[in-house]
Amino acid sequence: MSQDTARVSVRIMEKEYVVACPYEERAALLDAAEFLNGRMREIRDSGKVVGHDRIAVMAALNLAHEFLKGKDRETRVDSGVGHRVRALRERVEGALEKSQQLDL
């Protein structure tokens, strides 16, 4: 293991995991593990899903769904911003053309 890689111990659903990650990403890994642990506990505590494997899959599916919804929303926002920028550019170009015609 290189010097810039850290071994981080995380606890998820009362089970310990040791994970290697870049040294500067330790805090982000710990935050992600804590977030995942919270989500898995919520699923377990709902009583609708039994077994660590099933809880992990349900948590992964929920997180993937949320990620894809956010990605879709981001794409729509980017598209809307692109349309607005294009419209503004056209207005500015039109105004500049009128200004140039007046100067003649």
PDB file of N, CA and C in Angstrom:
ATOM      1  N   MET A   1       0.848  -1.169   0.000  1.00  0.00           N
ATOM      2  CA  MET A   1       0.000   0.000   0.000  1.00  0.00           C
ATOM      3  C   MET A   1       0.898   1.239   0.000  1.00  0.00           C
ATOM      4  N   SER A   2       0.599   2.200  -0.871  1.00  0.00           N
ATOM      5  CA  SER A   2       1.426   3.398  -0.979  1.00  0.00           C
ATOM      6  C   SER A   2       1.185   4.317   0.213  1.00  0.00           C
ATOM      7  N   GLN A   3       2.072   5.295   0.366  1.00  0.00           N
ATOM      8  CA  GLN A   3       1.979   6.214   1.502  1.00  0.00           C
ATOM      9  C   GLN A   3       0.744   7.095   1.449  1.00  0.00           C
ATOM     10  N   ASP A   4       0.233   7.389   0.258  1.00  0.00           N
ATOM     11  CA  ASP A   4      -0.923   8.276   0.167  1.00  0.00           C
ATOM     12  C   ASP A   4      -2.237   7.521   0.259  1.00  0.00           C
ATOM     13  N   THR A   5      -2.175   6.242   0.640  1.00  0.00           N
ATOM     14  CA  THR A   5      -3.378   5.432   0.815  1.00  0.00           C
ATOM     15  C   THR A   5      -3.557   5.122   2.300  1.00  0.00           C
ATOM     16  N   ALA A   6      -4.769   5.276   2.770  1.00  0.00           N
ATOM     17  CA  ALA A   6      -5.067   5.018   4.181  1.00  0.00           C
ATOM     18  C   ALA A   6      -5.974   3.807   4.300  1.00  0.00           C
ATOM     19  N   ARG A   7      -5.840   3.101   5.403  1.00  0.00           N
ATOM     20  CA  ARG A   7      -6.766   2.015   5.733  1.00  0.00           C
ATOM     21  C   ARG A   7      -7.721   2.574   6.768  1.00  0.00           C
ATOM     22  N   VAL A   8      -8.994   2.556   6.415  1.00  0.00           N
ATOM     23  CA  VAL A   8     -10.002   3.157   7.280  1.00  0.00           C
ATOM     24  C   VAL A   8     -10.960   2.062   7.736  1.00  0.00           C
ATOM     25  N   SER A   9     -11.235   2.054   9.022  1.00  0.00           N
ATOM     26  CA  SER A   9     -12.172   1.093   9.589  1.00  0.00           C
ATOM     27  C   SER A   9     -13.531   1.766   9.728  1.00  0.00           C
ATOM     28  N   VAL A  10     -14.555   1.140   9.128  1.00  0.00           N
ATOM     29  CA  VAL A  10     -15.915   1.672   9.230  1.00  0.00           C
ATOM     30  C   VAL A  10     -16.814   0.592   9.807  1.00  0.00           C
ATOM     31  N   ARG A  11     -17.867   1.030  10.473  1.00  0.00           N
ATOM     32  CA  ARG A  11     -18.816   0.099  11.081  1.00  0.00           C
ATOM     33  C   ARG A  11     -20.185   0.339  10.457  1.00  0.00           C
ATOM     34  N   ILE A  12     -20.714  -0.714   9.832  1.00  0.00           N
ATOM     35  CA  ILE A  12     -22.022  -0.642   9.190  1.00  0.00           C
ATOM     36  C   ILE A  12     -22.853  -1.812   9.696  1.00  0.00           C
ATOM     37  N   MET A  13     -23.987  -1.493  10.279  1.00  0.00           N
ATOM     38  CA  MET A  13     -24.902  -2.515  10.814  1.00  0.00           C
ATOM     39  C   MET A  13     -24.169  -3.491  11.750  1.00  0.00           C
ATOM     40  N   GLU A  14     -23.440  -2.899  12.713  1.00  0.00           N
ATOM     41  CA  GLU A  14     -22.712  -3.656  13.726  1.00  0.00           C
ATOM     42  C   GLU A  14     -21.627  -4.568  13.165  1.00  0.00           C
ATOM     43  N   LYS A  15     -21.198  -4.343  11.948  1.00  0.00           N
ATOM     44  CA  LYS A  15     -20.125  -5.143  11.355  1.00  0.00           C
ATOM     45  C   LYS A  15     -19.008  -4.202  10.922  1.00  0.00           C
ATOM     46  N   GLU A  16     -17.772  -4.608  11.208  1.00  0.00           N
ATOM     47  CA  GLU A  16     -16.596  -3.787  10.929  1.00  0.00           C
ATOM     48  C   GLU A  16     -16.034  -4.121   9.546  1.00  0.00           C
ATOM     49  N   TYR A  17     -15.694  -3.079   8.798  1.00  0.00           N
ATOM     50  CA  TYR A  17     -15.079  -3.222   7.474  1.00  0.00           C
ATOM     51  C   TYR A  17     -13.841  -2.344   7.434  1.00  0.00           C
ATOM     52  N   VAL A  18     -12.763  -2.864   6.865  1.00  0.00           N
ATOM     53  CA  VAL A  18     -11.552  -2.071   6.669  1.00  0.00           C
ATOM     54  C   VAL A  18     -11.446  -1.801   5.177  1.00  0.00           C
ATOM     55  N   VAL A  19     -11.360  -0.506   4.847  1.00  0.00           N
ATOM     56  CA  VAL A  19     -11.389  -0.076   3.457  1.00  0.00           C
ATOM     57  C   VAL A  19     -10.161   0.783   3.180  1.00  0.00           C
ATOM     58  N   ALA A  20      -9.535   0.557   2.025  1.00  0.00           N
ATOM     59  CA  ALA A  20      -8.418   1.398   1.602  1.00  0.00           C
ATOM     60  C   ALA A  20      -8.968   2.531   0.749  1.00  0.00           C
ATOM     61  N   CYS A  21      -8.442   3.723   0.982  1.00  0.00           N
ATOM     62  CA  CYS A  21      -8.853   4.877   0.185  1.00  0.00           C
ATOM     63  C   CYS A  21      -7.722   5.892   0.185  1.00  0.00           C
ATOM     64  N   PRO A  22      -7.730   6.808  -0.776  1.00  0.00           N
ATOM     65  CA  PRO A  22      -6.720   7.874  -0.747  1.00  0.00           C
ATOM     66  C   PRO A  22      -6.773   8.603   0.590  1.00  0.00           C
ATOM     67  N   TYR A  23      -5.610   8.939   1.102  1.00  0.00           N
ATOM     68  CA  TYR A  23      -5.492   9.548   2.420  1.00  0.00           C
ATOM     69  C   TYR A  23      -6.389  10.768   2.575  1.00  0.00           C
ATOM     70  N   GLU A  24      -6.445  11.613   1.533  1.00  0.00           N
ATOM     71  CA  GLU A  24      -7.221  12.856   1.627  1.00  0.00           C
ATOM     72  C   GLU A  24      -8.727  12.622   1.564  1.00  0.00           C
ATOM     73  N   GLU A  25      -9.165  11.392   1.285  1.00  0.00           N
ATOM     74  CA  GLU A  25     -10.598  11.096   1.197  1.00  0.00           C
ATOM     75  C   GLU A  25     -11.134  10.329   2.413  1.00  0.00           C
ATOM     76  N   ARG A  26     -10.327  10.221   3.459  1.00  0.00           N
ATOM     77  CA  ARG A  26     -10.749   9.492   4.656  1.00  0.00           C
ATOM     78  C   ARG A  26     -12.046  10.042   5.234  1.00  0.00           C
ATOM     79  N   ALA A  27     -12.114  11.351   5.406  1.00  0.00           N
ATOM     80  CA  ALA A  27     -13.294  11.963   6.020  1.00  0.00           C
ATOM     81  C   ALA A  27     -14.539  11.708   5.171  1.00  0.00           C
ATOM     82  N   ALA A  28     -14.391  11.809   3.857  1.00  0.00           N
ATOM     83  CA  ALA A  28     -15.532  11.575   2.967  1.00  0.00           C
ATOM     84  C   ALA A  28     -15.989  10.118   3.056  1.00  0.00           C
ATOM     85  N   LEU A  29     -15.041   9.196   3.172  1.00  0.00           N
ATOM     86  CA  LEU A  29     -15.387   7.777   3.313  1.00  0.00           C
ATOM     87  C   LEU A  29     -16.137   7.539   4.618  1.00  0.00           C
ATOM     88  N   LEU A  30     -15.663   8.131   5.692  1.00  0.00           N
ATOM     89  CA  LEU A  30     -16.340   7.973   6.983  1.00  0.00           C
ATOM     90  C   LEU A  30     -17.746   8.558   6.939  1.00  0.00           C
ATOM     91  N   ASP A  31     -17.901   9.705   6.285  1.00  0.00           N
ATOM     92  CA  ASP A  31     -19.234  10.307   6.137  1.00  0.00           C
ATOM     93  C   ASP A  31     -20.151   9.404   5.318  1.00  0.00           C
ATOM     94  N   ALA A  32     -19.620   8.839   4.235  1.00  0.00           N
ATOM     95  CA  ALA A  32     -20.422   7.950   3.386  1.00  0.00           C
ATOM     96  C   ALA A  32     -20.851   6.704   4.157  1.00  0.00           C
ATOM     97  N   ALA A  33     -19.936   6.139   4.935  1.00  0.00           N
ATOM     98  CA  ALA A  33     -20.258   4.949   5.721  1.00  0.00           C
ATOM     99  C   ALA A  33     -21.318   5.262   6.770  1.00  0.00           C
ATOM    100  N   GLU A  34     -21.210   6.411   7.406  1.00  0.00           N
ATOM    101  CA  GLU A  34     -22.196   6.816   8.407  1.00  0.00           C
ATOM    102  C   GLU A  34     -23.570   7.023   7.757  1.00  0.00           C
ATOM    103  N   PHE A  35     -23.576   7.642   6.573  1.00  0.00           N
ATOM    104  CA  PHE A  35     -24.818   7.868   5.840  1.00  0.00           C
ATOM    105  C   PHE A  35     -25.455   6.535   5.460  1.00  0.00           C
ATOM    106  N   LEU A  36     -24.653   5.619   4.915  1.00  0.00           N
ATOM    107  CA  LEU A  36     -25.161   4.302   4.525  1.00  0.00           C
ATOM    108  C   LEU A  36     -25.672   3.541   5.733  1.00  0.00           C
ATOM    109  N   ASN A  37     -24.937   3.583   6.816  1.00  0.00           N
ATOM    110  CA  ASN A  37     -25.363   2.895   8.031  1.00  0.00           C
ATOM    111  C   ASN A  37     -26.725   3.423   8.492  1.00  0.00           C
ATOM    112  N   GLY A  38     -26.900   4.738   8.441  1.00  0.00           N
ATOM    113  CA  GLY A  38     -28.187   5.328   8.826  1.00  0.00           C
ATOM    114  C   GLY A  38     -29.319   4.844   7.934  1.00  0.00           C
ATOM    115  N   ARG A  39     -29.073   4.824   6.631  1.00  0.00           N
ATOM    116  CA  ARG A  39     -30.104   4.363   5.699  1.00  0.00           C
ATOM    117  C   ARG A  39     -30.448   2.895   5.936  1.00  0.00           C
ATOM    118  N   MET A  40     -29.428   2.076   6.148  1.00  0.00           N
ATOM    119  CA  MET A  40     -29.679   0.647   6.370  1.00  0.00           C
ATOM    120  C   MET A  40     -30.427   0.422   7.679  1.00  0.00           C
ATOM    121  N   ARG A  41     -30.126   1.197   8.700  1.00  0.00           N
ATOM    122  CA  ARG A  41     -30.844   1.081   9.978  1.00  0.00           C
ATOM    123  C   ARG A  41     -32.309   1.477   9.825  1.00  0.00           C
ATOM    124  N   GLU A  42     -32.562   2.528   9.023  1.00  0.00           N
ATOM    125  CA  GLU A  42     -33.950   2.936   8.770  1.00  0.00           C
ATOM    126  C   GLU A  42     -34.729   1.795   8.125  1.00  0.00           C
ATOM    127  N   ILE A  43     -34.113   1.151   7.146  1.00  0.00           N
ATOM    128  CA  ILE A  43     -34.780   0.036   6.459  1.00  0.00           C
ATOM    129  C   ILE A  43     -35.004  -1.115   7.423  1.00  0.00           C
ATOM    130  N   ARG A  44     -33.987  -1.449   8.204  1.00  0.00           N
ATOM    131  CA  ARG A  44     -34.116  -2.528   9.186  1.00  0.00           C
ATOM    132  C   ARG A  44     -35.195  -2.213  10.207  1.00  0.00           C
ATOM    133  N   ASP A  45     -35.201  -0.986  10.704  1.00  0.00           N
ATOM    134  CA  ASP A  45     -36.149  -0.601  11.746  1.00  0.00           C
ATOM    135  C   ASP A  45     -37.590  -0.514  11.239  1.00  0.00           C
ATOM    136  N   SER A  46     -37.763  -0.390   9.930  1.00  0.00           N
ATOM    137  CA  SER A  46     -39.121  -0.363   9.376  1.00  0.00           C
ATOM    138  C   SER A  46     -39.779  -1.731   9.520  1.00  0.00           C
ATOM    139  N   GLY A  47     -38.958  -2.773   9.669  1.00  0.00           N
ATOM    140  CA  GLY A  47     -39.481  -4.121   9.863  1.00  0.00           C
ATOM    141  C   GLY A  47     -39.980  -4.786   8.596  1.00  0.00           C
ATOM    142  N   LYS A  48     -39.875  -4.103   7.458  1.00  0.00           N
ATOM    143  CA  LYS A  48     -40.385  -4.666   6.211  1.00  0.00           C
ATOM    144  C   LYS A  48     -39.364  -5.549   5.508  1.00  0.00           C
ATOM    145  N   VAL A  49     -38.076  -5.380   5.836  1.00  0.00           N
ATOM    146  CA  VAL A  49     -37.011  -6.136   5.176  1.00  0.00           C
ATOM    147  C   VAL A  49     -36.178  -6.819   6.249  1.00  0.00           C
ATOM    148  N   VAL A  50     -35.921  -8.105   6.061  1.00  0.00           N
ATOM    149  CA  VAL A  50     -35.153  -8.880   7.028  1.00  0.00           C
ATOM    150  C   VAL A  50     -33.902  -9.409   6.348  1.00  0.00           C
ATOM    151  N   GLY A  51     -32.796  -9.391   7.052  1.00  0.00           N
ATOM    152  CA  GLY A  51     -31.538  -9.930   6.551  1.00  0.00           C
ATOM    153  C   GLY A  51     -30.629  -8.824   6.044  1.00  0.00           C
ATOM    154  N   HIS A  52     -29.362  -8.890   6.457  1.00  0.00           N
ATOM    155  CA  HIS A  52     -28.398  -7.857   6.087  1.00  0.00           C
ATOM    156  C   HIS A  52     -28.248  -7.713   4.571  1.00  0.00           C
ATOM    157  N   ASP A  53     -28.235  -8.832   3.855  1.00  0.00           N
ATOM    158  CA  ASP A  53     -28.070  -8.764   2.399  1.00  0.00           C
ATOM    159  C   ASP A  53     -29.231  -8.022   1.757  1.00  0.00           C
ATOM    160  N   ARG A  54     -30.438  -8.347   2.161  1.00  0.00           N
ATOM    161  CA  ARG A  54     -31.617  -7.684   1.590  1.00  0.00           C
ATOM    162  C   ARG A  54     -31.658  -6.216   1.971  1.00  0.00           C
ATOM    163  N   ILE A  55     -31.285  -5.910   3.199  1.00  0.00           N
ATOM    164  CA  ILE A  55     -31.253  -4.511   3.649  1.00  0.00           C
ATOM    165  C   ILE A  55     -30.233  -3.737   2.821  1.00  0.00           C
ATOM    166  N   ALA A  56     -29.068  -4.336   2.586  1.00  0.00           N
ATOM    167  CA  ALA A  56     -28.023  -3.675   1.793  1.00  0.00           C
ATOM    168  C   ALA A  56     -28.499  -3.434   0.360  1.00  0.00           C
ATOM    169  N   VAL A  57     -29.173  -4.420  -0.223  1.00  0.00           N
ATOM    170  CA  VAL A  57     -29.664  -4.263  -1.596  1.00  0.00           C
ATOM    171  C   VAL A  57     -30.738  -3.185  -1.651  1.00  0.00           C
ATOM    172  N   MET A  58     -31.649  -3.162  -0.692  1.00  0.00           N
ATOM    173  CA  MET A  58     -32.691  -2.137  -0.677  1.00  0.00           C
ATOM    174  C   MET A  58     -32.075  -0.740  -0.513  1.00  0.00           C
ATOM    175  N   ALA A  59     -31.085  -0.627   0.362  1.00  0.00           N
ATOM    176  CA  ALA A  59     -30.416   0.667   0.552  1.00  0.00           C
ATOM    177  C   ALA A  59     -29.719   1.088  -0.743  1.00  0.00           C
ATOM    178  N   ALA A  60     -29.044   0.146  -1.394  1.00  0.00           N
ATOM    179  CA  ALA A  60     -28.359   0.449  -2.658  1.00  0.00           C
ATOM    180  C   ALA A  60     -29.358   0.869  -3.728  1.00  0.00           C
ATOM    181  N   LEU A  61     -30.478   0.180  -3.821  1.00  0.00           N
ATOM    182  CA  LEU A  61     -31.501   0.541  -4.809  1.00  0.00           C
ATOM    183  C   LEU A  61     -32.074   1.925  -4.533  1.00  0.00           C
ATOM    184  N   ASN A  62     -32.370   2.205  -3.269  1.00  0.00           N
ATOM    185  CA  ASN A  62     -32.898   3.526  -2.908  1.00  0.00           C
ATOM    186  C   ASN A  62     -31.903   4.631  -3.240  1.00  0.00           C
ATOM    187  N   LEU A  63     -30.632   4.422  -2.896  1.00  0.00           N
ATOM    188  CA  LEU A  63     -29.614   5.432  -3.164  1.00  0.00           C
ATOM    189  C   LEU A  63     -29.389   5.605  -4.664  1.00  0.00           C
ATOM    190  N   ALA A  64     -29.389   4.503  -5.415  1.00  0.00           N
ATOM    191  CA  ALA A  64     -29.224   4.592  -6.869  1.00  0.00           C
ATOM    192  C   ALA A  64     -30.389   5.356  -7.489  1.00  0.00           C
ATOM    193  N   HIS A  65     -31.596   5.087  -6.997  1.00  0.00           N
ATOM    194  CA  HIS A  65     -32.780   5.783  -7.492  1.00  0.00           C
ATOM    195  C   HIS A  65     -32.680   7.291  -7.221  1.00  0.00           C
ATOM    196  N   GLU A  66     -32.300   7.656  -6.007  1.00  0.00           N
ATOM    197  CA  GLU A  66     -32.153   9.062  -5.654  1.00  0.00           C
ATOM    198  C   GLU A  66     -31.066   9.726  -6.492  1.00  0.00           C
ATOM    199  N   PHE A  67     -29.973   9.015  -6.711  1.00  0.00           N
ATOM    200  CA  PHE A  67     -28.878   9.548  -7.522  1.00  0.00           C
ATOM    201  C   PHE A  67     -29.338   9.825  -8.949  1.00  0.00           C
ATOM    202  N   LEU A  68     -30.038   8.851  -9.541  1.00  0.00           N
ATOM    203  CA  LEU A  68     -30.495   9.013 -10.918  1.00  0.00           C
ATOM    204  C   LEU A  68     -31.536  10.124 -11.040  1.00  0.00           C
ATOM    205  N   LYS A  69     -32.421  10.260 -10.041  1.00  0.00           N
ATOM    206  CA  LYS A  69     -33.388  11.362 -10.053  1.00  0.00           C
ATOM    207  C   LYS A  69     -32.659  12.698  -9.995  1.00  0.00           C
ATOM    208  N   GLY A  70     -31.650  12.783  -9.147  1.00  0.00           N
ATOM    209  CA  GLY A  70     -30.864  14.013  -9.030  1.00  0.00           C
ATOM    210  C   GLY A  70     -30.104  14.310 -10.307  1.00  0.00           C
ATOM    211  N   LYS A  71     -29.568  13.279 -10.920  1.00  0.00           N
ATOM    212  CA  LYS A  71     -28.837  13.446 -12.177  1.00  0.00           C
ATOM    213  C   LYS A  71     -29.775  13.927 -13.276  1.00  0.00           C
ATOM    214  N   ASP A  72     -30.981  13.371 -13.334  1.00  0.00           N
ATOM    215  CA  ASP A  72     -31.970  13.785 -14.323  1.00  0.00           C
ATOM    216  C   ASP A  72     -32.369  15.239 -14.087  1.00  0.00           C
ATOM    217  N   ARG A  73     -32.586  15.598 -12.836  1.00  0.00           N
ATOM    218  CA  ARG A  73     -32.952  16.971 -12.487  1.00  0.00           C
ATOM    219  C   ARG A  73     -31.825  17.924 -12.890  1.00  0.00           C
ATOM    220  N   GLU A  74     -30.589  17.519 -12.639  1.00  0.00           N
ATOM    221  CA  GLU A  74     -29.430  18.341 -12.990  1.00  0.00           C
ATOM    222  C   GLU A  74     -29.345  18.530 -14.504  1.00  0.00           C
ATOM    223  N   THR A  75     -29.621  17.478 -15.261  1.00  0.00           N
ATOM    224  CA  THR A  75     -29.605  17.561 -16.719  1.00  0.00           C
ATOM    225  C   THR A  75     -30.670  18.539 -17.206  1.00  0.00           C
ATOM    226  N   ARG A  76     -31.864  18.458 -16.605  1.00  0.00           N
ATOM    227  CA  ARG A  76     -32.937  19.372 -16.992  1.00  0.00           C
ATOM    228  C   ARG A  76     -32.583  20.811 -16.652  1.00  0.00           C
ATOM    229  N   VAL A  77     -31.968  21.031 -15.498  1.00  0.00           N
ATOM    230  CA  VAL A  77     -31.562  22.384 -15.103  1.00  0.00           C
ATOM    231  C   VAL A  77     -30.499  22.893 -16.066  1.00  0.00           C
ATOM    232  N   ASP A  78     -29.493  22.058 -16.371  1.00  0.00           N
ATOM    233  CA  ASP A  78     -28.444  22.451 -17.312  1.00  0.00           C
ATOM    234  C   ASP A  78     -29.034  22.808 -18.668  1.00  0.00           C
ATOM    235  N   SER A  79     -29.999  22.019 -19.118  1.00  0.00           N
ATOM    236  CA  SER A  79     -30.641  22.273 -20.403  1.00  0.00           C
ATOM    237  C   SER A  79     -31.379  23.600 -20.372  1.00  0.00           C
ATOM    238  N   GLY A  80     -32.109  23.853 -19.302  1.00  0.00           N
ATOM    239  CA  GLY A  80     -32.835  25.111 -19.160  1.00  0.00           C
ATOM    240  C   GLY A  80     -31.897  26.304 -19.118  1.00  0.00           C
ATOM    241  N   VAL A  81     -30.792  26.158 -18.423  1.00  0.00           N
ATOM    242  CA  VAL A  81     -29.805  27.233 -18.350  1.00  0.00           C
ATOM    243  C   VAL A  81     -29.215  27.469 -19.735  1.00  0.00           C
ATOM    244  N   GLY A  82     -28.949  26.398 -20.464  1.00  0.00           N
ATOM    245  CA  GLY A  82     -28.410  26.527 -21.815  1.00  0.00           C
ATOM    246  C   GLY A  82     -29.346  27.295 -22.720  1.00  0.00           C
ATOM    247  N   HIS A  83     -30.638  27.013 -22.622  1.00  0.00           N
ATOM    248  CA  HIS A  83     -31.628  27.740 -23.431  1.00  0.00           C
ATOM    249  C   HIS A  83     -31.655  29.219 -23.052  1.00  0.00           C
ATOM    250  N   ARG A  84     -31.607  29.508 -21.764  1.00  0.00           N
ATOM    251  CA  ARG A  84     -31.635  30.898 -21.314  1.00  0.00           C
ATOM    252  C   ARG A  84     -30.390  31.658 -21.777  1.00  0.00           C
ATOM    253  N   VAL A  85     -29.231  31.003 -21.665  1.00  0.00           N
ATOM    254  CA  VAL A  85     -27.983  31.648 -22.096  1.00  0.00           C
ATOM    255  C   VAL A  85     -28.036  31.924 -23.595  1.00  0.00           C
ATOM    256  N   ARG A  86     -28.530  30.967 -24.361  1.00  0.00           N
ATOM    257  CA  ARG A  86     -28.647  31.136 -25.806  1.00  0.00           C
ATOM    258  C   ARG A  86     -29.572  32.312 -26.135  1.00  0.00           C
ATOM    259  N   ALA A  87     -30.716  32.382 -25.447  1.00  0.00           N
ATOM    260  CA  ALA A  87     -31.665  33.474 -25.684  1.00  0.00           C
ATOM    261  C   ALA A  87     -31.049  34.820 -25.319  1.00  0.00           C
ATOM    262  N   LEU A  88     -30.317  34.871 -24.197  1.00  0.00           N
ATOM    263  CA  LEU A  88     -29.663  36.121 -23.802  1.00  0.00           C
ATOM    264  C   LEU A  88     -28.602  36.534 -24.819  1.00  0.00           C
ATOM    265  N   ARG A  89     -27.841  35.555 -25.290  1.00  0.00           N
ATOM    266  CA  ARG A  89     -26.809  35.849 -26.283  1.00  0.00           C
ATOM    267  C   ARG A  89     -27.436  36.431 -27.550  1.00  0.00           C
ATOM    268  N   GLU A  90     -28.560  35.835 -27.982  1.00  0.00           N
ATOM    269  CA  GLU A  90     -29.248  36.335 -29.172  1.00  0.00           C
ATOM    270  C   GLU A  90     -29.756  37.759 -28.952  1.00  0.00           C
ATOM    271  N   ARG A  91     -30.275  38.046 -27.760  1.00  0.00           N
ATOM    272  CA  ARG A  91     -30.751  39.399 -27.464  1.00  0.00           C
ATOM    273  C   ARG A  91     -29.594  40.395 -27.477  1.00  0.00           C
ATOM    274  N   VAL A  92     -28.462  40.006 -26.877  1.00  0.00           N
ATOM    275  CA  VAL A  92     -27.292  40.890 -26.848  1.00  0.00           C
ATOM    276  C   VAL A  92     -26.786  41.128 -28.264  1.00  0.00           C
ATOM    277  N   GLU A  93     -26.687  40.058 -29.056  1.00  0.00           N
ATOM    278  CA  GLU A  93     -26.221  40.206 -30.436  1.00  0.00           C
ATOM    279  C   GLU A  93     -27.169  41.104 -31.235  1.00  0.00           C
ATOM    280  N   GLY A  94     -28.481  40.929 -31.029  1.00  0.00           N
ATOM    281  CA  GLY A  94     -29.461  41.777 -31.707  1.00  0.00           C
ATOM    282  C   GLY A  94     -29.304  43.232 -31.309  1.00  0.00           C
ATOM    283  N   ALA A  95     -29.099  43.473 -30.021  1.00  0.00           N
ATOM    284  CA  ALA A  95     -28.917  44.841 -29.541  1.00  0.00           C
ATOM    285  C   ALA A  95     -27.640  45.443 -30.109  1.00  0.00           C
ATOM    286  N   LEU A  96     -26.571  44.660 -30.187  1.00  0.00           N
ATOM    287  CA  LEU A  96     -25.312  45.156 -30.746  1.00  0.00           C
ATOM    288  C   LEU A  96     -25.461  45.492 -32.224  1.00  0.00           C
ATOM    289  N   GLU A  97     -26.193  44.656 -32.950  1.00  0.00           N
ATOM    290  CA  GLU A  97     -26.423  44.924 -34.377  1.00  0.00           C
ATOM    291  C   GLU A  97     -27.195  46.225 -34.556  1.00  0.00           C
ATOM    292  N   LYS A  98     -28.230  46.445 -33.751  1.00  0.00           N
ATOM    293  CA  LYS A  98     -29.010  47.686 -33.831  1.00  0.00           C
ATOM    294  C   LYS A  98     -28.133  48.886 -33.507  1.00  0.00           C
ATOM    295  N   SER A  99     -27.275  48.724 -32.500  1.00  0.00           N
ATOM    296  CA  SER A  99     -26.377  49.805 -32.092  1.00  0.00           C
ATOM    297  C   SER A  99     -25.417  50.133 -33.216  1.00  0.00           C
ATOM    298  N   GLN A 100     -24.888  49.133 -33.896  1.00  0.00           N
ATOM    299  CA  GLN A 100     -23.957  49.347 -35.000  1.00  0.00           C
ATOM    300  C   GLN A 100     -24.674  50.036 -36.157  1.00  0.00           C
ATOM    301  N   GLN A 101     -25.929  49.680 -36.413  1.00  0.00           N
ATOM    302  CA  GLN A 101     -26.688  50.301 -37.500  1.00  0.00           C
ATOM    303  C   GLN A 101     -26.952  51.767 -37.190  1.00  0.00           C
ATOM    304  N   LEU A 102     -27.203  52.096 -35.934  1.00  0.00           N
ATOM    305  CA  LEU A 102     -27.452  53.478 -35.534  1.00  0.00           C
ATOM    306  C   LEU A 102     -26.199  54.333 -35.671  1.00  0.00           C
ATOM    307  N   ASP A 103     -25.035  53.703 -35.411  1.00  0.00           N
ATOM    308  CA  ASP A 103     -23.770  54.425 -35.502  1.00  0.00           C
ATOM    309  C   ASP A 103     -23.435  54.813 -36.934  1.00  0.00           C
ATOM    310  N   LEU A 104     -23.952  54.058 -37.900  1.00  0.00           N
ATOM    311  CA  LEU A 104     -23.642  54.346 -39.307  1.00  0.00           C
ATOM    312  C   LEU A 104     -24.395  55.547 -39.720  1.00  0.00           C
TER     313      LEU A 104
END
